[in-house]
């Protein structure tokens, strides 16, 4: 059973439909007790970091998520804002603490080319680490769909970067740390390549 966190900030229909399409049993999770039945957990997300974090706090799910993901080690996938909320701090509008699961901070993209506008919207090549289990059989530069103006900046001693994307400068497109995976791109909106990514995550045994 895959639990998709429903905290009012996720693209829930697209995510659940994508997981349904690969034959997975999916349930929406809006209270802590519902996590008990879940073997894997997905945290989707769209919008701004402060509002996303506030919604997650108000959901009452943070303590239970920490228990199931950090303490019990259930495989986890964060998507877009769901990746950014894993950071120690977000710098969007004002400084807001994140979940602190990842040694990182979230900052605004600063493309080196004036023609590259924000938000970064569209399809871009994504360069994964060699032999990444999450990008297995997806090629050296799979193309995924992005919608964002901010990105996760990993601290120098972190080795969690799983893939990169270039938008007037490289930013972290995906991370993998222990049982935690996350993507800045939207696999659920990335057509066949995104479905294959989700299949790899389901098959992943951290």
C-alpha atoms as a PDB file:
ATOM      1  CA  UNK A   1       0.000   0.000   0.000  1.00  0.00           C
ATOM      2  CA  UNK A   2       1.347   3.435  -1.002  1.00  0.00           C
ATOM      3  CA  UNK A   3       0.185   6.355   1.119  1.00  0.00           C
ATOM      4  CA  UNK A   4      -0.050   9.719  -0.662  1.00  0.00           C
ATOM      5  CA  UNK A   5      -0.016  12.549   1.855  1.00  0.00           C
ATOM      6  CA  UNK A   6      -3.073  14.799   1.557  1.00  0.00           C
ATOM      7  CA  UNK A   7      -2.242  18.115   3.246  1.00  0.00           C
ATOM      8  CA  UNK A   8      -3.928  20.468   0.800  1.00  0.00           C
ATOM      9  CA  UNK A   9      -0.811  21.215  -1.249  1.00  0.00           C
ATOM     10  CA  UNK A  10      -0.440  18.216  -3.515  1.00  0.00           C
ATOM     11  CA  UNK A  11      -1.306  17.354  -7.078  1.00  0.00           C
ATOM     12  CA  UNK A  12      -3.127  14.340  -5.690  1.00  0.00           C
ATOM     13  CA  UNK A  13      -5.155  13.208  -8.688  1.00  0.00           C
ATOM     14  CA  UNK A  14      -2.193  13.096 -11.068  1.00  0.00           C
ATOM     15  CA  UNK A  15      -0.012  11.298  -8.517  1.00  0.00           C
ATOM     16  CA  UNK A  16      -2.623   8.691  -7.582  1.00  0.00           C
ATOM     17  CA  UNK A  17      -3.553   8.120 -11.225  1.00  0.00           C
ATOM     18  CA  UNK A  18       0.097   7.581 -12.142  1.00  0.00           C
ATOM     19  CA  UNK A  19       0.571   5.042  -9.345  1.00  0.00           C
ATOM     20  CA  UNK A  20      -2.727   3.355 -10.211  1.00  0.00           C
ATOM     21  CA  UNK A  21      -1.548   3.004 -13.804  1.00  0.00           C
ATOM     22  CA  UNK A  22       1.358   0.801 -12.715  1.00  0.00           C
ATOM     23  CA  UNK A  23      -0.926  -1.440 -10.665  1.00  0.00           C
ATOM     24  CA  UNK A  24      -0.142  -0.086  -7.204  1.00  0.00           C
ATOM     25  CA  UNK A  25      -2.673   0.109  -4.384  1.00  0.00           C
ATOM     26  CA  UNK A  26      -2.889   3.727  -3.276  1.00  0.00           C
ATOM     27  CA  UNK A  27      -4.571   5.496  -0.378  1.00  0.00           C
ATOM     28  CA  UNK A  28      -4.781   9.173   0.555  1.00  0.00           C
ATOM     29  CA  UNK A  29      -3.429   9.903   4.024  1.00  0.00           C
ATOM     30  CA  UNK A  30      -4.801  12.842   5.990  1.00  0.00           C
ATOM     31  CA  UNK A  31      -4.363  11.657   9.577  1.00  0.00           C
ATOM     32  CA  UNK A  32      -1.492   9.928  11.393  1.00  0.00           C
ATOM     33  CA  UNK A  33      -3.244   6.601  12.030  1.00  0.00           C
ATOM     34  CA  UNK A  34      -3.635   5.997   8.291  1.00  0.00           C
ATOM     35  CA  UNK A  35       0.147   5.712   7.908  1.00  0.00           C
ATOM     36  CA  UNK A  36       0.092   2.403   9.782  1.00  0.00           C
ATOM     37  CA  UNK A  37      -1.268   0.568   6.730  1.00  0.00           C
ATOM     38  CA  UNK A  38       1.266   2.107   4.321  1.00  0.00           C
ATOM     39  CA  UNK A  39       4.421   0.352   3.148  1.00  0.00           C
ATOM     40  CA  UNK A  40       5.607   3.338   1.107  1.00  0.00           C
ATOM     41  CA  UNK A  41       4.902   7.058   1.392  1.00  0.00           C
ATOM     42  CA  UNK A  42       4.665   9.843  -1.199  1.00  0.00           C
ATOM     43  CA  UNK A  43       4.688  13.546  -0.298  1.00  0.00           C
ATOM     44  CA  UNK A  44       3.609  15.576  -3.356  1.00  0.00           C
ATOM     45  CA  UNK A  45       3.464  19.342  -3.352  1.00  0.00           C
ATOM     46  CA  UNK A  46       2.899  22.501  -5.353  1.00  0.00           C
ATOM     47  CA  UNK A  47       3.184  26.141  -4.319  1.00  0.00           C
ATOM     48  CA  UNK A  48       5.326  28.137  -1.927  1.00  0.00           C
ATOM     49  CA  UNK A  49       7.531  26.720   0.828  1.00  0.00           C
ATOM     50  CA  UNK A  50       6.024  28.742   3.743  1.00  0.00           C
ATOM     51  CA  UNK A  51       2.437  27.826   2.858  1.00  0.00           C
ATOM     52  CA  UNK A  52       3.408  24.193   2.272  1.00  0.00           C
ATOM     53  CA  UNK A  53       5.141  23.915   5.606  1.00  0.00           C
ATOM     54  CA  UNK A  54       2.226  25.605   7.385  1.00  0.00           C
ATOM     55  CA  UNK A  55      -0.219  23.164   5.786  1.00  0.00           C
ATOM     56  CA  UNK A  56       1.947  20.219   6.807  1.00  0.00           C
ATOM     57  CA  UNK A  57       2.100  21.486  10.396  1.00  0.00           C
ATOM     58  CA  UNK A  58      -1.663  22.003  10.465  1.00  0.00           C
ATOM     59  CA  UNK A  59      -2.229  18.496   9.126  1.00  0.00           C
ATOM     60  CA  UNK A  60      -0.756  17.041  12.311  1.00  0.00           C
ATOM     61  CA  UNK A  61       1.220  14.531  10.244  1.00  0.00           C
ATOM     62  CA  UNK A  62       4.808  15.638  10.841  1.00  0.00           C
ATOM     63  CA  UNK A  63       5.459  13.532  13.943  1.00  0.00           C
ATOM     64  CA  UNK A  64       3.923  10.450  12.344  1.00  0.00           C
ATOM     65  CA  UNK A  65       5.828  10.991   9.095  1.00  0.00           C
ATOM     66  CA  UNK A  66       9.069  11.234  11.037  1.00  0.00           C
ATOM     67  CA  UNK A  67       8.244   8.017  12.865  1.00  0.00           C
ATOM     68  CA  UNK A  68       7.385   6.038   9.743  1.00  0.00           C
ATOM     69  CA  UNK A  69      10.058   7.441   7.416  1.00  0.00           C
ATOM     70  CA  UNK A  70      13.014   8.275   9.654  1.00  0.00           C
ATOM     71  CA  UNK A  71      12.591   5.772  12.496  1.00  0.00           C
ATOM     72  CA  UNK A  72      10.910   2.849  10.702  1.00  0.00           C
ATOM     73  CA  UNK A  73      12.662   3.401   7.375  1.00  0.00           C
ATOM     74  CA  UNK A  74       9.679   3.127   5.035  1.00  0.00           C
ATOM     75  CA  UNK A  75      10.586   4.052   1.443  1.00  0.00           C
ATOM     76  CA  UNK A  76       9.646   7.679   0.786  1.00  0.00           C
ATOM     77  CA  UNK A  77       9.263   9.863  -2.308  1.00  0.00           C
ATOM     78  CA  UNK A  78       8.978  13.653  -2.194  1.00  0.00           C
ATOM     79  CA  UNK A  79       7.834  15.452  -5.347  1.00  0.00           C
ATOM     80  CA  UNK A  80       8.602  19.121  -6.186  1.00  0.00           C
ATOM     81  CA  UNK A  81       7.558  21.087  -3.061  1.00  0.00           C
ATOM     82  CA  UNK A  82       7.535  17.703  -1.311  1.00  0.00           C
ATOM     83  CA  UNK A  83      11.286  17.543  -1.975  1.00  0.00           C
ATOM     84  CA  UNK A  84      11.927  21.100  -0.826  1.00  0.00           C
ATOM     85  CA  UNK A  85      10.131  20.618   2.497  1.00  0.00           C
ATOM     86  CA  UNK A  86      12.745  18.022   3.470  1.00  0.00           C
ATOM     87  CA  UNK A  87      15.333  20.789   3.848  1.00  0.00           C
ATOM     88  CA  UNK A  88      16.502  22.459   7.033  1.00  0.00           C
ATOM     89  CA  UNK A  89      15.358  25.890   5.868  1.00  0.00           C
ATOM     90  CA  UNK A  90      13.446  27.524   3.032  1.00  0.00           C
ATOM     91  CA  UNK A  91      14.231  31.057   1.838  1.00  0.00           C
ATOM     92  CA  UNK A  92      11.029  31.812  -0.054  1.00  0.00           C
ATOM     93  CA  UNK A  93       9.297  35.043   1.046  1.00  0.00           C
ATOM     94  CA  UNK A  94      10.958  34.652   4.450  1.00  0.00           C
ATOM     95  CA  UNK A  95      13.041  32.082   6.321  1.00  0.00           C
ATOM     96  CA  UNK A  96      10.946  29.095   7.348  1.00  0.00           C
ATOM     97  CA  UNK A  97      12.261  25.876   8.951  1.00  0.00           C
ATOM     98  CA  UNK A  98      11.599  22.688   7.030  1.00  0.00           C
ATOM     99  CA  UNK A  99      11.399  19.057   8.137  1.00  0.00           C
ATOM    100  CA  UNK A 100      15.192  18.961   8.580  1.00  0.00           C
ATOM    101  CA  UNK A 101      15.493  15.497   7.021  1.00  0.00           C
ATOM    102  CA  UNK A 102      18.056  16.716   4.499  1.00  0.00           C
ATOM    103  CA  UNK A 103      21.250  18.714   5.036  1.00  0.00           C
ATOM    104  CA  UNK A 104      20.186  21.494   2.695  1.00  0.00           C
ATOM    105  CA  UNK A 105      18.457  24.829   2.220  1.00  0.00           C
ATOM    106  CA  UNK A 106      15.992  25.951  -0.444  1.00  0.00           C
ATOM    107  CA  UNK A 107      16.845  29.076  -2.445  1.00  0.00           C
ATOM    108  CA  UNK A 108      15.621  30.877  -5.549  1.00  0.00           C
ATOM    109  CA  UNK A 109      17.075  29.808  -8.869  1.00  0.00           C
ATOM    110  CA  UNK A 110      19.438  32.340 -10.444  1.00  0.00           C
ATOM    111  CA  UNK A 111      19.812  31.466 -14.157  1.00  0.00           C
ATOM    112  CA  UNK A 112      22.985  32.870 -15.709  1.00  0.00           C
ATOM    113  CA  UNK A 113      21.220  33.724 -18.977  1.00  0.00           C
ATOM    114  CA  UNK A 114      18.777  36.690 -18.966  1.00  0.00           C
ATOM    115  CA  UNK A 115      16.531  34.906 -21.474  1.00  0.00           C
ATOM    116  CA  UNK A 116      15.783  32.171 -18.938  1.00  0.00           C
ATOM    117  CA  UNK A 117      12.774  33.331 -16.946  1.00  0.00           C
ATOM    118  CA  UNK A 118      11.277  32.122 -13.689  1.00  0.00           C
ATOM    119  CA  UNK A 119       9.416  30.017 -12.938  1.00  0.00           C
ATOM    120  CA  UNK A 120      11.326  27.283 -14.723  1.00  0.00           C
ATOM    121  CA  UNK A 121       8.508  25.555 -16.607  1.00  0.00           C
ATOM    122  CA  UNK A 122       8.871  22.781 -19.145  1.00  0.00           C
ATOM    123  CA  UNK A 123      10.791  19.735 -20.232  1.00  0.00           C
ATOM    124  CA  UNK A 124      14.485  19.449 -19.448  1.00  0.00           C
ATOM    125  CA  UNK A 125      17.210  16.862 -19.666  1.00  0.00           C
ATOM    126  CA  UNK A 126      18.086  15.395 -16.283  1.00  0.00           C
ATOM    127  CA  UNK A 127      21.501  13.850 -15.664  1.00  0.00           C
ATOM    128  CA  UNK A 128      21.413  11.013 -13.088  1.00  0.00           C
ATOM    129  CA  UNK A 129      24.262   9.447 -11.196  1.00  0.00           C
ATOM    130  CA  UNK A 130      25.651   6.378 -12.970  1.00  0.00           C
ATOM    131  CA  UNK A 131      23.954   3.152 -11.891  1.00  0.00           C
ATOM    132  CA  UNK A 132      21.203   4.992 -10.007  1.00  0.00           C
ATOM    133  CA  UNK A 133      18.444   2.512  -9.063  1.00  0.00           C
ATOM    134  CA  UNK A 134      15.860   5.275  -9.425  1.00  0.00           C
ATOM    135  CA  UNK A 135      16.873   6.039 -13.028  1.00  0.00           C
ATOM    136  CA  UNK A 136      17.480   2.453 -14.115  1.00  0.00           C
ATOM    137  CA  UNK A 137      17.002   1.954 -17.874  1.00  0.00           C
ATOM    138  CA  UNK A 138      16.030   5.606 -18.393  1.00  0.00           C
ATOM    139  CA  UNK A 139      19.156   6.563 -20.360  1.00  0.00           C
ATOM    140  CA  UNK A 140      21.927   9.053 -19.676  1.00  0.00           C
ATOM    141  CA  UNK A 141      19.758  12.179 -19.980  1.00  0.00           C
ATOM    142  CA  UNK A 142      16.036  11.464 -19.536  1.00  0.00           C
ATOM    143  CA  UNK A 143      13.672  14.404 -20.025  1.00  0.00           C
ATOM    144  CA  UNK A 144      11.265  15.296 -17.218  1.00  0.00           C
ATOM    145  CA  UNK A 145       8.719  18.049 -16.626  1.00  0.00           C
ATOM    146  CA  UNK A 146       9.557  20.902 -14.196  1.00  0.00           C
ATOM    147  CA  UNK A 147       7.563  23.755 -12.653  1.00  0.00           C
ATOM    148  CA  UNK A 148       9.468  25.716  -9.988  1.00  0.00           C
ATOM    149  CA  UNK A 149      11.380  28.870  -9.088  1.00  0.00           C
ATOM    150  CA  UNK A 150      13.271  27.463  -6.085  1.00  0.00           C
ATOM    151  CA  UNK A 151      15.560  24.477  -5.673  1.00  0.00           C
ATOM    152  CA  UNK A 152      17.281  22.468  -2.965  1.00  0.00           C
ATOM    153  CA  UNK A 153      20.907  23.406  -2.364  1.00  0.00           C
ATOM    154  CA  UNK A 154      22.745  20.550  -0.666  1.00  0.00           C
ATOM    155  CA  UNK A 155      25.522  21.397   1.755  1.00  0.00           C
ATOM    156  CA  UNK A 156      29.032  20.589   0.548  1.00  0.00           C
ATOM    157  CA  UNK A 157      29.469  17.461   2.665  1.00  0.00           C
ATOM    158  CA  UNK A 158      26.241  15.902   1.396  1.00  0.00           C
ATOM    159  CA  UNK A 159      26.368  13.000  -1.047  1.00  0.00           C
ATOM    160  CA  UNK A 160      22.585  12.822  -1.508  1.00  0.00           C
ATOM    161  CA  UNK A 161      22.423  14.284  -5.039  1.00  0.00           C
ATOM    162  CA  UNK A 162      21.016  11.632  -7.386  1.00  0.00           C
ATOM    163  CA  UNK A 163      20.482  13.775 -10.490  1.00  0.00           C
ATOM    164  CA  UNK A 164      21.107  17.285 -11.811  1.00  0.00           C
ATOM    165  CA  UNK A 165      19.411  19.630 -14.258  1.00  0.00           C
ATOM    166  CA  UNK A 166      20.861  22.673 -16.052  1.00  0.00           C
ATOM    167  CA  UNK A 167      18.740  25.820 -16.247  1.00  0.00           C
ATOM    168  CA  UNK A 168      21.331  28.557 -16.612  1.00  0.00           C
ATOM    169  CA  UNK A 169      23.327  26.631 -13.992  1.00  0.00           C
ATOM    170  CA  UNK A 170      23.052  23.230 -12.418  1.00  0.00           C
ATOM    171  CA  UNK A 171      20.561  22.515  -9.644  1.00  0.00           C
ATOM    172  CA  UNK A 172      19.728  19.293  -7.800  1.00  0.00           C
ATOM    173  CA  UNK A 173      16.965  17.503  -9.701  1.00  0.00           C
ATOM    174  CA  UNK A 174      16.704  14.431  -7.458  1.00  0.00           C
ATOM    175  CA  UNK A 175      18.101  13.136  -4.188  1.00  0.00           C
ATOM    176  CA  UNK A 176      18.520   9.721  -2.622  1.00  0.00           C
ATOM    177  CA  UNK A 177      19.533   9.269   0.997  1.00  0.00           C
ATOM    178  CA  UNK A 178      18.970   6.001   2.851  1.00  0.00           C
ATOM    179  CA  UNK A 179      15.247   5.261   2.345  1.00  0.00           C
ATOM    180  CA  UNK A 180      14.427   8.802   1.170  1.00  0.00           C
ATOM    181  CA  UNK A 181      14.108   9.750  -2.492  1.00  0.00           C
ATOM    182  CA  UNK A 182      12.820  13.028  -3.899  1.00  0.00           C
ATOM    183  CA  UNK A 183      12.543  14.836  -7.207  1.00  0.00           C
ATOM    184  CA  UNK A 184      12.302  18.478  -8.190  1.00  0.00           C
ATOM    185  CA  UNK A 185      10.600  17.379 -11.414  1.00  0.00           C
ATOM    186  CA  UNK A 186       7.095  15.936 -11.608  1.00  0.00           C
ATOM    187  CA  UNK A 187       7.253  12.252 -12.580  1.00  0.00           C
ATOM    188  CA  UNK A 188       3.446  12.089 -12.595  1.00  0.00           C
ATOM    189  CA  UNK A 189       3.403  14.761 -15.347  1.00  0.00           C
ATOM    190  CA  UNK A 190       6.351  13.356 -17.309  1.00  0.00           C
ATOM    191  CA  UNK A 191       4.442  10.844 -19.438  1.00  0.00           C
ATOM    192  CA  UNK A 192       6.082   7.465 -20.105  1.00  0.00           C
ATOM    193  CA  UNK A 193       9.491   8.383 -18.684  1.00  0.00           C
ATOM    194  CA  UNK A 194       7.850   9.535 -15.451  1.00  0.00           C
ATOM    195  CA  UNK A 195       5.847   6.322 -15.151  1.00  0.00           C
ATOM    196  CA  UNK A 196       9.038   4.316 -15.593  1.00  0.00           C
ATOM    197  CA  UNK A 197      10.693   6.410 -12.877  1.00  0.00           C
ATOM    198  CA  UNK A 198       7.815   5.630 -10.504  1.00  0.00           C
ATOM    199  CA  UNK A 199       8.127   1.945 -11.333  1.00  0.00           C
ATOM    200  CA  UNK A 200      11.822   2.108 -10.427  1.00  0.00           C
ATOM    201  CA  UNK A 201      10.946   3.767  -7.117  1.00  0.00           C
ATOM    202  CA  UNK A 202       8.379   1.068  -6.348  1.00  0.00           C
ATOM    203  CA  UNK A 203      10.998  -1.596  -7.138  1.00  0.00           C
ATOM    204  CA  UNK A 204      13.679   0.196  -5.101  1.00  0.00           C
ATOM    205  CA  UNK A 205      14.712  -1.679  -1.934  1.00  0.00           C
ATOM    206  CA  UNK A 206      16.688   0.788   0.192  1.00  0.00           C
END
